[in-house]
Amino acid sequence: MYQAEKNRYEEMKYYASGKSGLKLPAVSLGLWHNFGDTASYDNMMQLCFTAFDNGITHFDLANNYGPEPGSAEKNFGRILKEHLHAYRDEMIISTKAGYEMWEGPYGDWGSRKYLLASLDQSLQRMGLEYVDIFYHHRMDPNTPLEETMGALAQAVTSGKALYVGLSNYDGATLEKASAILEELHCPFIINQNRYSIFDRTIEQNGLKDTAARLGKGIIAFSPLAQGMLSNRYLEGIPEDSRIRTDGRFLKEQELSDDRLLQIRKLNELAKERGQSLAEMALSWVLRDGIVTSVLIGASKKEQILDNIKAIQNTVFSQEELQRIEEICGEL
């Protein structure tokens, strides 16, 4: 029987999500990768145990994570039932709905019909009565925002979610959605968006500034730019790379010679800071206190342990920040 480490909360840092009372670990574990039916169940268990033993209390899922869609929730639910159920009240479990999940007109996007049905399915797969955070996974141009936000509010009032979040929204739509949710007295506390040294979309579309102004948290996914901001590709593309075997993720053409040169220059700066490139990349995302948590994926428990080290130094000098901007501007 799994027993969590007694000192699991000693090193991890926890930050309030915006102006809410909910604290998230600075590093959270995403189950997009390596929790589907093609992965090893024993390895899934070890990833969850390693994360929780080191203070990672937040486990992030979505209805379509797999492959097959739904399998990540199913596998995580099995781990919960068999090993982690005693720690449920120490855990933040989130899921999402917004991408295609089943056939027909009711299995995608942001209708009330789809969102509430999907949440019921997710709870059943995980064997839970509620999730801590339920997200709408992407903006829907064809469903009234009031309907989508009303469905999120209903998830809370029904007791099936404690808080709600938005994922892949821009700043303008976030502001409109936040106003609706406030009128509905719905505890909207967090935004999940892609953000890294190589991807500044949330700086350009107003999401980051708007979230800070409204007092909403941000959790950043792909903070390592699908592994580019790590030592994985410093010498080119390894033969066993997922690039060559799984088209869902990083594309080979994204690792141009110019990009590889940038990666090596950033790696040199990381060395000067006494960090690995991955540690520096995660630290950069957390540098200004606007991002609540970075969402990491892992295939080995050693990756989790390495990534957690990022929280030890999230302070950058103006010179270091300027060098990062100069390097990024070279492509």
C-alpha atoms as a PDB file:
ATOM      1  CA  MET A   1       0.000   0.000   0.000  1.00  0.00           C
ATOM      2  CA  TYR A   2       1.355   3.406  -1.000  1.00  0.00           C
ATOM      3  CA  GLN A   3       2.279   5.720   1.858  1.00  0.00           C
ATOM      4  CA  ALA A   4       3.063   9.333   0.985  1.00  0.00           C
ATOM      5  CA  GLU A   5       6.320  10.881   2.166  1.00  0.00           C
ATOM      6  CA  LYS A   6       5.841  12.667   5.493  1.00  0.00           C
ATOM      7  CA  ASN A   7       7.987  15.634   4.428  1.00  0.00           C
ATOM      8  CA  ARG A   8       6.222  16.136   1.077  1.00  0.00           C
ATOM      9  CA  TYR A   9       5.253  19.744   1.790  1.00  0.00           C
ATOM     10  CA  GLU A  10       8.628  21.004   2.996  1.00  0.00           C
ATOM     11  CA  GLU A  11      10.198  22.095  -0.314  1.00  0.00           C
ATOM     12  CA  MET A  12       7.337  22.872  -2.708  1.00  0.00           C
ATOM     13  CA  LYS A  13       6.018  26.425  -2.938  1.00  0.00           C
ATOM     14  CA  TYR A  14       2.278  27.157  -3.122  1.00  0.00           C
ATOM     15  CA  TYR A  15       0.679  30.262  -4.587  1.00  0.00           C
ATOM     16  CA  ALA A  16      -2.895  31.518  -4.441  1.00  0.00           C
ATOM     17  CA  SER A  17      -4.668  31.330  -7.788  1.00  0.00           C
ATOM     18  CA  GLY A  18      -5.369  34.993  -8.407  1.00  0.00           C
ATOM     19  CA  LYS A  19      -7.403  36.507  -5.586  1.00  0.00           C
ATOM     20  CA  SER A  20      -8.975  33.175  -4.630  1.00  0.00           C
ATOM     21  CA  GLY A  21      -8.216  31.171  -1.522  1.00  0.00           C
ATOM     22  CA  LEU A  22      -7.087  28.138  -3.528  1.00  0.00           C
ATOM     23  CA  LYS A  23      -3.343  27.564  -3.559  1.00  0.00           C
ATOM     24  CA  LEU A  24      -1.646  25.583  -6.307  1.00  0.00           C
ATOM     25  CA  PRO A  25       1.848  24.135  -6.257  1.00  0.00           C
ATOM     26  CA  ALA A  26       4.346  26.117  -8.315  1.00  0.00           C
ATOM     27  CA  VAL A  27       4.779  22.948 -10.388  1.00  0.00           C
ATOM     28  CA  SER A  28       1.738  20.861 -11.370  1.00  0.00           C
ATOM     29  CA  LEU A  29       1.591  17.519 -13.202  1.00  0.00           C
ATOM     30  CA  GLY A  30      -0.240  17.310 -16.512  1.00  0.00           C
ATOM     31  CA  LEU A  31      -1.574  13.975 -17.714  1.00  0.00           C
ATOM     32  CA  TRP A  32      -1.831  14.832 -21.412  1.00  0.00           C
ATOM     33  CA  HIS A  33       1.181  12.638 -22.162  1.00  0.00           C
ATOM     34  CA  ASN A  34       2.001   9.154 -20.917  1.00  0.00           C
ATOM     35  CA  PHE A  35      -1.319   8.329 -19.236  1.00  0.00           C
ATOM     36  CA  GLY A  36      -3.198   6.830 -22.163  1.00  0.00           C
ATOM     37  CA  ASP A  37      -3.830   3.170 -22.910  1.00  0.00           C
ATOM     38  CA  THR A  38      -0.541   2.900 -24.817  1.00  0.00           C
ATOM     39  CA  ALA A  39       1.493   3.758 -21.705  1.00  0.00           C
ATOM     40  CA  SER A  40       2.724   1.567 -18.861  1.00  0.00           C
ATOM     41  CA  TYR A  41       0.368   1.550 -15.877  1.00  0.00           C
ATOM     42  CA  ASP A  42       3.256   0.912 -13.478  1.00  0.00           C
ATOM     43  CA  ASN A  43       5.043   3.965 -14.845  1.00  0.00           C
ATOM     44  CA  MET A  44       1.882   6.056 -14.470  1.00  0.00           C
ATOM     45  CA  MET A  45       1.725   5.064 -10.818  1.00  0.00           C
ATOM     46  CA  GLN A  46       5.352   5.981 -10.215  1.00  0.00           C
ATOM     47  CA  LEU A  47       4.900   9.364 -11.875  1.00  0.00           C
ATOM     48  CA  CYS A  48       1.937  10.142  -9.612  1.00  0.00           C
ATOM     49  CA  PHE A  49       3.705   8.879  -6.496  1.00  0.00           C
ATOM     50  CA  THR A  50       6.863  10.870  -7.257  1.00  0.00           C
ATOM     51  CA  ALA A  51       4.853  14.012  -7.880  1.00  0.00           C
ATOM     52  CA  PHE A  52       2.782  13.738  -4.702  1.00  0.00           C
ATOM     53  CA  ASP A  53       5.773  12.727  -2.570  1.00  0.00           C
ATOM     54  CA  ASN A  54       7.417  15.994  -3.609  1.00  0.00           C
ATOM     55  CA  GLY A  55       4.521  18.333  -2.939  1.00  0.00           C
ATOM     56  CA  ILE A  56       2.821  18.337  -6.335  1.00  0.00           C
ATOM     57  CA  THR A  57      -0.809  18.270  -5.272  1.00  0.00           C
ATOM     58  CA  HIS A  58      -2.363  19.305  -8.589  1.00  0.00           C
ATOM     59  CA  PHE A  59      -3.099  16.723 -11.302  1.00  0.00           C
ATOM     60  CA  ASP A  60      -4.469  18.130 -14.549  1.00  0.00           C
ATOM     61  CA  LEU A  61      -6.560  16.148 -17.048  1.00  0.00           C
ATOM     62  CA  ALA A  62      -9.094  16.613 -19.832  1.00  0.00           C
ATOM     63  CA  ASN A  63     -11.856  14.448 -21.226  1.00  0.00           C
ATOM     64  CA  ASN A  64      -9.943  13.761 -24.447  1.00  0.00           C
ATOM     65  CA  TYR A  65      -6.506  12.958 -23.002  1.00  0.00           C
ATOM     66  CA  GLY A  66      -5.266   9.576 -24.134  1.00  0.00           C
ATOM     67  CA  PRO A  67      -4.986   7.871 -26.496  1.00  0.00           C
ATOM     68  CA  GLU A  68      -7.808   6.763 -26.606  1.00  0.00           C
ATOM     69  CA  PRO A  69      -9.860   9.787 -25.494  1.00  0.00           C
ATOM     70  CA  GLY A  70     -10.938   9.245 -21.911  1.00  0.00           C
ATOM     71  CA  SER A  71      -8.189   6.779 -21.112  1.00  0.00           C
ATOM     72  CA  ALA A  72      -6.056   9.197 -19.084  1.00  0.00           C
ATOM     73  CA  GLU A  73      -9.004   9.879 -16.777  1.00  0.00           C
ATOM     74  CA  LYS A  74      -9.753   6.177 -16.558  1.00  0.00           C
ATOM     75  CA  ASN A  75      -6.169   5.290 -15.686  1.00  0.00           C
ATOM     76  CA  PHE A  76      -5.842   8.124 -13.194  1.00  0.00           C
ATOM     77  CA  GLY A  77      -9.109   7.041 -11.611  1.00  0.00           C
ATOM     78  CA  ARG A  78      -7.681   3.554 -11.150  1.00  0.00           C
ATOM     79  CA  ILE A  79      -4.568   4.975  -9.466  1.00  0.00           C
ATOM     80  CA  LEU A  80      -6.787   7.059  -7.187  1.00  0.00           C
ATOM     81  CA  LYS A  81      -8.920   4.094  -6.221  1.00  0.00           C
ATOM     82  CA  GLU A  82      -6.055   1.664  -5.673  1.00  0.00           C
ATOM     83  CA  HIS A  83      -3.438   3.924  -4.096  1.00  0.00           C
ATOM     84  CA  LEU A  84      -4.263   7.612  -3.559  1.00  0.00           C
ATOM     85  CA  HIS A  85      -7.855   7.646  -2.296  1.00  0.00           C
ATOM     86  CA  ALA A  86      -6.763   8.342   1.291  1.00  0.00           C
ATOM     87  CA  TYR A  87      -5.200  11.623   0.086  1.00  0.00           C
ATOM     88  CA  ARG A  88      -8.130  12.943  -1.980  1.00  0.00           C
ATOM     89  CA  ASP A  89      -8.609  16.010   0.228  1.00  0.00           C
ATOM     90  CA  GLU A  90      -4.935  16.911  -0.214  1.00  0.00           C
ATOM     91  CA  MET A  91      -5.245  16.873  -4.004  1.00  0.00           C
ATOM     92  CA  ILE A  92      -6.410  19.309  -6.672  1.00  0.00           C
ATOM     93  CA  ILE A  93      -7.853  17.369  -9.608  1.00  0.00           C
ATOM     94  CA  SER A  94      -8.898  19.274 -12.714  1.00  0.00           C
ATOM     95  CA  THR A  95     -10.458  18.280 -16.007  1.00  0.00           C
ATOM     96  CA  LYS A  96     -11.739  20.028 -19.131  1.00  0.00           C
ATOM     97  CA  ALA A  97     -14.221  19.781 -21.964  1.00  0.00           C
ATOM     98  CA  GLY A  98     -14.205  21.669 -25.242  1.00  0.00           C
ATOM     99  CA  TYR A  99     -12.620  19.493 -27.901  1.00  0.00           C
ATOM    100  CA  GLU A 100     -14.238  16.641 -29.821  1.00  0.00           C
ATOM    101  CA  MET A 101     -15.041  13.730 -27.552  1.00  0.00           C
ATOM    102  CA  TRP A 102     -17.833  11.747 -29.191  1.00  0.00           C
ATOM    103  CA  GLU A 103     -19.655  11.649 -32.515  1.00  0.00           C
ATOM    104  CA  GLY A 104     -22.562  13.858 -33.424  1.00  0.00           C
ATOM    105  CA  PRO A 105     -23.441  17.502 -32.773  1.00  0.00           C
ATOM    106  CA  TYR A 106     -23.311  17.262 -28.955  1.00  0.00           C
ATOM    107  CA  GLY A 107     -19.772  15.986 -28.426  1.00  0.00           C
ATOM    108  CA  ASP A 108     -17.663  19.087 -29.030  1.00  0.00           C
ATOM    109  CA  TRP A 109     -17.221  22.819 -28.376  1.00  0.00           C
ATOM    110  CA  GLY A 110     -19.102  24.683 -25.644  1.00  0.00           C
ATOM    111  CA  SER A 111     -22.819  23.991 -25.475  1.00  0.00           C
ATOM    112  CA  ARG A 112     -24.497  23.384 -22.140  1.00  0.00           C
ATOM    113  CA  LYS A 113     -25.498  19.929 -23.412  1.00  0.00           C
ATOM    114  CA  TYR A 114     -21.895  18.940 -24.159  1.00  0.00           C
ATOM    115  CA  LEU A 115     -20.152  20.444 -21.148  1.00  0.00           C
ATOM    116  CA  LEU A 116     -22.423  18.976 -18.479  1.00  0.00           C
ATOM    117  CA  ALA A 117     -22.605  15.561 -20.153  1.00  0.00           C
ATOM    118  CA  SER A 118     -18.836  15.502 -20.506  1.00  0.00           C
ATOM    119  CA  LEU A 119     -18.317  16.381 -16.854  1.00  0.00           C
ATOM    120  CA  ASP A 120     -20.587  13.513 -15.820  1.00  0.00           C
ATOM    121  CA  GLN A 121     -18.572  11.141 -18.010  1.00  0.00           C
ATOM    122  CA  SER A 122     -15.276  12.420 -16.597  1.00  0.00           C
ATOM    123  CA  LEU A 123     -16.437  11.924 -13.017  1.00  0.00           C
ATOM    124  CA  GLN A 124     -17.552   8.405 -13.831  1.00  0.00           C
ATOM    125  CA  ARG A 125     -14.208   7.519 -15.443  1.00  0.00           C
ATOM    126  CA  MET A 126     -12.275   8.832 -12.448  1.00  0.00           C
ATOM    127  CA  GLY A 127     -14.648   7.473  -9.827  1.00  0.00           C
ATOM    128  CA  LEU A 128     -15.119  10.920  -8.287  1.00  0.00           C
ATOM    129  CA  GLU A 129     -18.072  12.855  -6.946  1.00  0.00           C
ATOM    130  CA  TYR A 130     -16.521  16.183  -7.935  1.00  0.00           C
ATOM    131  CA  VAL A 131     -13.449  17.765  -9.500  1.00  0.00           C
ATOM    132  CA  ASP A 132     -11.696  20.711  -7.935  1.00  0.00           C
ATOM    133  CA  ILE A 133     -11.480  22.689 -11.191  1.00  0.00           C
ATOM    134  CA  PHE A 134     -13.599  22.260 -14.341  1.00  0.00           C
ATOM    135  CA  TYR A 135     -12.409  24.131 -17.434  1.00  0.00           C
ATOM    136  CA  HIS A 136     -13.926  25.069 -20.735  1.00  0.00           C
ATOM    137  CA  HIS A 137     -11.081  23.940 -22.976  1.00  0.00           C
ATOM    138  CA  ARG A 138     -11.296  26.448 -25.838  1.00  0.00           C
ATOM    139  CA  MET A 139     -13.292  29.408 -27.072  1.00  0.00           C
ATOM    140  CA  ASP A 140     -16.407  28.503 -29.075  1.00  0.00           C
ATOM    141  CA  PRO A 141     -17.327  31.065 -31.767  1.00  0.00           C
ATOM    142  CA  ASN A 142     -20.737  29.501 -32.367  1.00  0.00           C
ATOM    143  CA  THR A 143     -22.179  29.160 -28.846  1.00  0.00           C
ATOM    144  CA  PRO A 144     -23.238  32.234 -26.855  1.00  0.00           C
ATOM    145  CA  LEU A 145     -20.709  32.938 -24.149  1.00  0.00           C
ATOM    146  CA  GLU A 146     -23.589  33.224 -21.664  1.00  0.00           C
ATOM    147  CA  GLU A 147     -24.571  29.610 -22.365  1.00  0.00           C
ATOM    148  CA  THR A 148     -21.063  28.245 -21.898  1.00  0.00           C
ATOM    149  CA  MET A 149     -20.473  30.222 -18.713  1.00  0.00           C
ATOM    150  CA  GLY A 150     -23.899  29.212 -17.428  1.00  0.00           C
ATOM    151  CA  ALA A 151     -22.927  25.568 -17.867  1.00  0.00           C
ATOM    152  CA  LEU A 152     -19.746  26.127 -15.856  1.00  0.00           C
ATOM    153  CA  ALA A 153     -21.783  27.796 -13.121  1.00  0.00           C
ATOM    154  CA  GLN A 154     -24.206  24.868 -13.116  1.00  0.00           C
ATOM    155  CA  ALA A 155     -21.285  22.467 -12.644  1.00  0.00           C
ATOM    156  CA  VAL A 156     -20.478  24.293  -9.402  1.00  0.00           C
ATOM    157  CA  THR A 157     -24.024  24.664  -8.103  1.00  0.00           C
ATOM    158  CA  SER A 158     -24.637  20.955  -8.722  1.00  0.00           C
ATOM    159  CA  GLY A 159     -21.641  20.103  -6.540  1.00  0.00           C
ATOM    160  CA  LYS A 160     -19.701  18.492  -9.370  1.00  0.00           C
ATOM    161  CA  ALA A 161     -16.941  21.138  -9.419  1.00  0.00           C
ATOM    162  CA  LEU A 162     -15.564  23.448  -6.739  1.00  0.00           C
ATOM    163  CA  TYR A 163     -14.073  26.074  -9.057  1.00  0.00           C
ATOM    164  CA  VAL A 164     -14.062  26.759 -12.792  1.00  0.00           C
ATOM    165  CA  GLY A 165     -11.419  27.818 -15.268  1.00  0.00           C
ATOM    166  CA  LEU A 166     -10.974  28.827 -18.886  1.00  0.00           C
ATOM    167  CA  SER A 167      -8.375  27.401 -21.252  1.00  0.00           C
ATOM    168  CA  ASN A 168      -7.044  28.822 -24.525  1.00  0.00           C
ATOM    169  CA  TYR A 169      -9.035  32.054 -24.217  1.00  0.00           C
ATOM    170  CA  ASP A 170      -7.718  35.477 -25.230  1.00  0.00           C
ATOM    171  CA  GLY A 171      -7.788  38.589 -23.088  1.00  0.00           C
ATOM    172  CA  ALA A 172     -10.910  40.187 -24.547  1.00  0.00           C
ATOM    173  CA  THR A 173     -13.026  37.038 -24.293  1.00  0.00           C
ATOM    174  CA  LEU A 174     -11.660  36.340 -20.820  1.00  0.00           C
ATOM    175  CA  GLU A 175     -12.904  39.734 -19.662  1.00  0.00           C
ATOM    176  CA  LYS A 176     -16.409  39.138 -21.042  1.00  0.00           C
ATOM    177  CA  ALA A 177     -16.536  35.627 -19.575  1.00  0.00           C
ATOM    178  CA  SER A 178     -15.332  36.833 -16.197  1.00  0.00           C
ATOM    179  CA  ALA A 179     -18.101  39.456 -16.021  1.00  0.00           C
ATOM    180  CA  ILE A 180     -20.748  36.811 -16.748  1.00  0.00           C
ATOM    181  CA  LEU A 181     -19.347  34.404 -14.179  1.00  0.00           C
ATOM    182  CA  GLU A 182     -19.191  37.151 -11.577  1.00  0.00           C
ATOM    183  CA  GLU A 183     -22.890  37.892 -12.120  1.00  0.00           C
ATOM    184  CA  LEU A 184     -23.585  34.188 -11.658  1.00  0.00           C
ATOM    185  CA  HIS A 185     -21.518  34.157  -8.433  1.00  0.00           C
ATOM    186  CA  CYS A 186     -19.408  31.386  -9.943  1.00  0.00           C
ATOM    187  CA  PRO A 187     -15.892  30.902  -8.506  1.00  0.00           C
ATOM    188  CA  PHE A 188     -13.816  31.414 -11.665  1.00  0.00           C
ATOM    189  CA  ILE A 189     -10.198  31.437 -10.535  1.00  0.00           C
ATOM    190  CA  ILE A 190      -7.781  30.322 -13.259  1.00  0.00           C
ATOM    191  CA  ASN A 191      -6.786  30.371 -16.925  1.00  0.00           C
ATOM    192  CA  GLN A 192      -4.809  27.595 -18.595  1.00  0.00           C
ATOM    193  CA  ASN A 193      -2.787  28.711 -21.597  1.00  0.00           C
ATOM    194  CA  ARG A 194       0.347  27.844 -23.520  1.00  0.00           C
ATOM    195  CA  TYR A 195       3.286  30.003 -22.401  1.00  0.00           C
ATOM    196  CA  SER A 196       7.034  29.678 -22.699  1.00  0.00           C
ATOM    197  CA  ILE A 197      10.150  31.572 -23.668  1.00  0.00           C
ATOM    198  CA  PHE A 198       9.351  30.522 -27.250  1.00  0.00           C
ATOM    199  CA  ASP A 199       5.587  31.181 -27.156  1.00  0.00           C
ATOM    200  CA  ARG A 200       4.446  34.647 -26.026  1.00  0.00           C
ATOM    201  CA  THR A 201       0.852  34.442 -27.269  1.00  0.00           C
ATOM    202  CA  ILE A 202      -0.677  35.363 -23.896  1.00  0.00           C
ATOM    203  CA  GLU A 203       1.465  38.494 -23.819  1.00  0.00           C
ATOM    204  CA  GLN A 204       0.312  39.445 -27.316  1.00  0.00           C
ATOM    205  CA  ASN A 205      -3.431  38.685 -27.041  1.00  0.00           C
ATOM    206  CA  GLY A 206      -3.980  40.404 -23.703  1.00  0.00           C
ATOM    207  CA  LEU A 207      -4.604  37.271 -21.662  1.00  0.00           C
ATOM    208  CA  LYS A 208      -1.720  37.730 -19.241  1.00  0.00           C
ATOM    209  CA  ASP A 209      -2.372  41.397 -18.510  1.00  0.00           C
ATOM    210  CA  THR A 210      -6.143  40.907 -18.247  1.00  0.00           C
ATOM    211  CA  ALA A 211      -5.817  37.949 -15.874  1.00  0.00           C
ATOM    212  CA  ALA A 212      -3.514  39.970 -13.631  1.00  0.00           C
ATOM    213  CA  ARG A 213      -5.857  42.964 -13.644  1.00  0.00           C
ATOM    214  CA  LEU A 214      -8.919  40.841 -12.863  1.00  0.00           C
ATOM    215  CA  GLY A 215      -7.162  38.867 -10.154  1.00  0.00           C
ATOM    216  CA  LYS A 216      -7.339  35.507 -11.937  1.00  0.00           C
ATOM    217  CA  GLY A 217      -4.611  32.901 -11.851  1.00  0.00           C
ATOM    218  CA  ILE A 218      -2.741  31.444 -14.811  1.00  0.00           C
ATOM    219  CA  ILE A 219      -1.371  27.939 -15.174  1.00  0.00           C
ATOM    220  CA  ALA A 220       1.013  27.592 -18.105  1.00  0.00           C
ATOM    221  CA  PHE A 221       1.102  24.471 -20.242  1.00  0.00           C
ATOM    222  CA  SER A 222       3.964  23.567 -22.587  1.00  0.00           C
ATOM    223  CA  PRO A 223       6.400  25.731 -20.573  1.00  0.00           C
ATOM    224  CA  LEU A 224       9.262  23.744 -22.125  1.00  0.00           C
ATOM    225  CA  ALA A 225       7.894  24.226 -25.658  1.00  0.00           C
ATOM    226  CA  GLN A 226       7.298  20.498 -26.154  1.00  0.00           C
ATOM    227  CA  GLY A 227      10.800  19.719 -24.898  1.00  0.00           C
ATOM    228  CA  MET A 228      12.709  22.217 -27.022  1.00  0.00           C
ATOM    229  CA  LEU A 229      13.630  24.137 -23.863  1.00  0.00           C
ATOM    230  CA  SER A 230      15.501  21.208 -22.358  1.00  0.00           C
ATOM    231  CA  ASN A 231      18.676  19.282 -23.055  1.00  0.00           C
ATOM    232  CA  ARG A 232      16.705  16.872 -25.256  1.00  0.00           C
ATOM    233  CA  TYR A 233      17.570  18.551 -28.564  1.00  0.00           C
ATOM    234  CA  LEU A 234      20.846  20.318 -27.849  1.00  0.00           C
ATOM    235  CA  GLU A 235      22.650  18.066 -30.303  1.00  0.00           C
ATOM    236  CA  GLY A 236      19.802  17.634 -32.775  1.00  0.00           C
ATOM    237  CA  ILE A 237      16.907  15.179 -32.882  1.00  0.00           C
ATOM    238  CA  PRO A 238      17.537  11.834 -31.140  1.00  0.00           C
ATOM    239  CA  GLU A 239      16.501   8.741 -33.053  1.00  0.00           C
ATOM    240  CA  ASP A 240      14.095   7.677 -30.291  1.00  0.00           C
ATOM    241  CA  SER A 241      12.437  11.111 -30.169  1.00  0.00           C
ATOM    242  CA  ARG A 242       8.651  11.331 -30.055  1.00  0.00           C
ATOM    243  CA  ILE A 243       8.961  13.706 -33.024  1.00  0.00           C
ATOM    244  CA  ARG A 244       9.624  10.706 -35.227  1.00  0.00           C
ATOM    245  CA  THR A 245       6.918   8.471 -33.737  1.00  0.00           C
ATOM    246  CA  ASP A 246       4.000  10.669 -32.619  1.00  0.00           C
ATOM    247  CA  GLY A 247       2.656  13.430 -34.830  1.00  0.00           C
ATOM    248  CA  ARG A 248       0.510  14.955 -32.061  1.00  0.00           C
ATOM    249  CA  PHE A 249       3.388  16.920 -30.616  1.00  0.00           C
ATOM    250  CA  LEU A 250       6.503  18.716 -31.781  1.00  0.00           C
ATOM    251  CA  LYS A 251       7.088  18.722 -35.539  1.00  0.00           C
ATOM    252  CA  GLU A 252      10.547  18.069 -36.965  1.00  0.00           C
ATOM    253  CA  GLN A 253      10.447  21.253 -39.048  1.00  0.00           C
ATOM    254  CA  GLU A 254      10.151  23.319 -35.861  1.00  0.00           C
ATOM    255  CA  LEU A 255      13.715  22.327 -34.934  1.00  0.00           C
ATOM    256  CA  SER A 256      15.455  24.323 -37.628  1.00  0.00           C
ATOM    257  CA  ASP A 257      19.165  25.101 -37.470  1.00  0.00           C
ATOM    258  CA  ASP A 258      18.333  28.626 -36.272  1.00  0.00           C
ATOM    259  CA  ARG A 259      16.087  27.265 -33.531  1.00  0.00           C
ATOM    260  CA  LEU A 260      18.755  24.815 -32.389  1.00  0.00           C
ATOM    261  CA  LEU A 261      21.242  27.699 -32.199  1.00  0.00           C
ATOM    262  CA  GLN A 262      18.811  29.624 -29.982  1.00  0.00           C
ATOM    263  CA  ILE A 263      18.397  26.589 -27.737  1.00  0.00           C
ATOM    264  CA  ARG A 264      22.162  26.264 -27.321  1.00  0.00           C
ATOM    265  CA  LYS A 265      22.539  29.966 -26.473  1.00  0.00           C
ATOM    266  CA  LEU A 266      19.769  29.727 -23.889  1.00  0.00           C
ATOM    267  CA  ASN A 267      21.466  26.653 -22.477  1.00  0.00           C
ATOM    268  CA  GLU A 268      24.668  28.642 -21.982  1.00  0.00           C
ATOM    269  CA  LEU A 269      22.754  31.309 -20.070  1.00  0.00           C
ATOM    270  CA  ALA A 270      21.146  28.627 -17.922  1.00  0.00           C
ATOM    271  CA  LYS A 271      24.565  27.244 -17.069  1.00  0.00           C
ATOM    272  CA  GLU A 272      25.673  30.697 -15.953  1.00  0.00           C
ATOM    273  CA  ARG A 273      22.648  30.778 -13.613  1.00  0.00           C
ATOM    274  CA  GLY A 274      23.536  27.358 -12.221  1.00  0.00           C
ATOM    275  CA  GLN A 275      20.459  25.790 -13.776  1.00  0.00           C
ATOM    276  CA  SER A 276      19.626  23.316 -16.488  1.00  0.00           C
ATOM    277  CA  LEU A 277      17.875  24.764 -19.533  1.00  0.00           C
ATOM    278  CA  ALA A 278      14.577  23.201 -18.414  1.00  0.00           C
ATOM    279  CA  GLU A 279      14.916  24.669 -14.923  1.00  0.00           C
ATOM    280  CA  MET A 280      15.596  28.130 -16.325  1.00  0.00           C
ATOM    281  CA  ALA A 281      12.675  27.881 -18.753  1.00  0.00           C
ATOM    282  CA  LEU A 282      10.271  26.997 -15.942  1.00  0.00           C
ATOM    283  CA  SER A 283      11.753  29.681 -13.682  1.00  0.00           C
ATOM    284  CA  TRP A 284      11.236  32.270 -16.435  1.00  0.00           C
ATOM    285  CA  VAL A 285       7.517  31.472 -16.655  1.00  0.00           C
ATOM    286  CA  LEU A 286       7.184  31.954 -12.876  1.00  0.00           C
ATOM    287  CA  ARG A 287       9.443  35.015 -12.732  1.00  0.00           C
ATOM    288  CA  ASP A 288       6.953  37.844 -12.186  1.00  0.00           C
ATOM    289  CA  GLY A 289       4.300  36.275  -9.941  1.00  0.00           C
ATOM    290  CA  ILE A 290       1.494  36.512 -12.511  1.00  0.00           C
ATOM    291  CA  VAL A 291       1.646  32.820 -13.455  1.00  0.00           C
ATOM    292  CA  THR A 292       0.449  30.699 -10.530  1.00  0.00           C
ATOM    293  CA  SER A 293       1.829  27.328 -11.645  1.00  0.00           C
ATOM    294  CA  VAL A 294       3.711  25.654 -14.478  1.00  0.00           C
ATOM    295  CA  LEU A 295       2.233  22.461 -15.871  1.00  0.00           C
ATOM    296  CA  ILE A 296       4.806  19.802 -16.668  1.00  0.00           C
ATOM    297  CA  GLY A 297       4.529  16.487 -18.463  1.00  0.00           C
ATOM    298  CA  ALA A 298       6.825  13.592 -17.688  1.00  0.00           C
ATOM    299  CA  SER A 299       7.639  10.130 -18.923  1.00  0.00           C
ATOM    300  CA  LYS A 300      10.171   9.407 -16.162  1.00  0.00           C
ATOM    301  CA  LYS A 301      10.068  10.262 -12.486  1.00  0.00           C
ATOM    302  CA  GLU A 302      13.549  11.775 -12.789  1.00  0.00           C
ATOM    303  CA  GLN A 303      12.089  14.475 -15.041  1.00  0.00           C
ATOM    304  CA  ILE A 304       9.672  15.491 -12.303  1.00  0.00           C
ATOM    305  CA  LEU A 305      12.468  15.719  -9.757  1.00  0.00           C
ATOM    306  CA  ASP A 306      14.592  17.787 -12.132  1.00  0.00           C
ATOM    307  CA  ASN A 307      11.770  20.181 -13.001  1.00  0.00           C
ATOM    308  CA  ILE A 308      10.899  20.845  -9.367  1.00  0.00           C
ATOM    309  CA  LYS A 309      14.362  22.383  -8.925  1.00  0.00           C
ATOM    310  CA  ALA A 310      13.163  25.373 -10.963  1.00  0.00           C
ATOM    311  CA  ILE A 311      11.371  26.834  -7.944  1.00  0.00           C
ATOM    312  CA  GLN A 312      14.687  27.370  -6.174  1.00  0.00           C
ATOM    313  CA  ASN A 313      15.586  30.370  -8.345  1.00  0.00           C
ATOM    314  CA  THR A 314      12.906  32.352 -10.176  1.00  0.00           C
ATOM    315  CA  VAL A 315      14.704  35.706  -9.942  1.00  0.00           C
ATOM    316  CA  PHE A 316      16.235  37.118 -13.134  1.00  0.00           C
ATOM    317  CA  SER A 317      18.421  40.178 -13.502  1.00  0.00           C
ATOM    318  CA  GLN A 318      17.468  42.752 -16.145  1.00  0.00           C
ATOM    319  CA  GLU A 319      20.584  41.727 -18.053  1.00  0.00           C
ATOM    320  CA  GLU A 320      19.486  38.083 -18.109  1.00  0.00           C
ATOM    321  CA  LEU A 321      15.991  38.992 -19.258  1.00  0.00           C
ATOM    322  CA  GLN A 322      17.432  41.185 -21.981  1.00  0.00           C
ATOM    323  CA  ARG A 323      19.703  38.383 -23.189  1.00  0.00           C
ATOM    324  CA  ILE A 324      16.723  36.046 -23.423  1.00  0.00           C
ATOM    325  CA  GLU A 325      14.844  38.619 -25.505  1.00  0.00           C
ATOM    326  CA  GLU A 326      17.841  39.112 -27.782  1.00  0.00           C
ATOM    327  CA  ILE A 327      18.245  35.375 -28.314  1.00  0.00           C
ATOM    328  CA  CYS A 328      14.519  34.955 -29.036  1.00  0.00           C
ATOM    329  CA  GLY A 329      14.626  37.812 -31.525  1.00  0.00           C
ATOM    330  CA  GLU A 330      17.249  36.081 -33.640  1.00  0.00           C
ATOM    331  CA  LEU A 331      14.804  33.709 -35.373  1.00  0.00           C
END
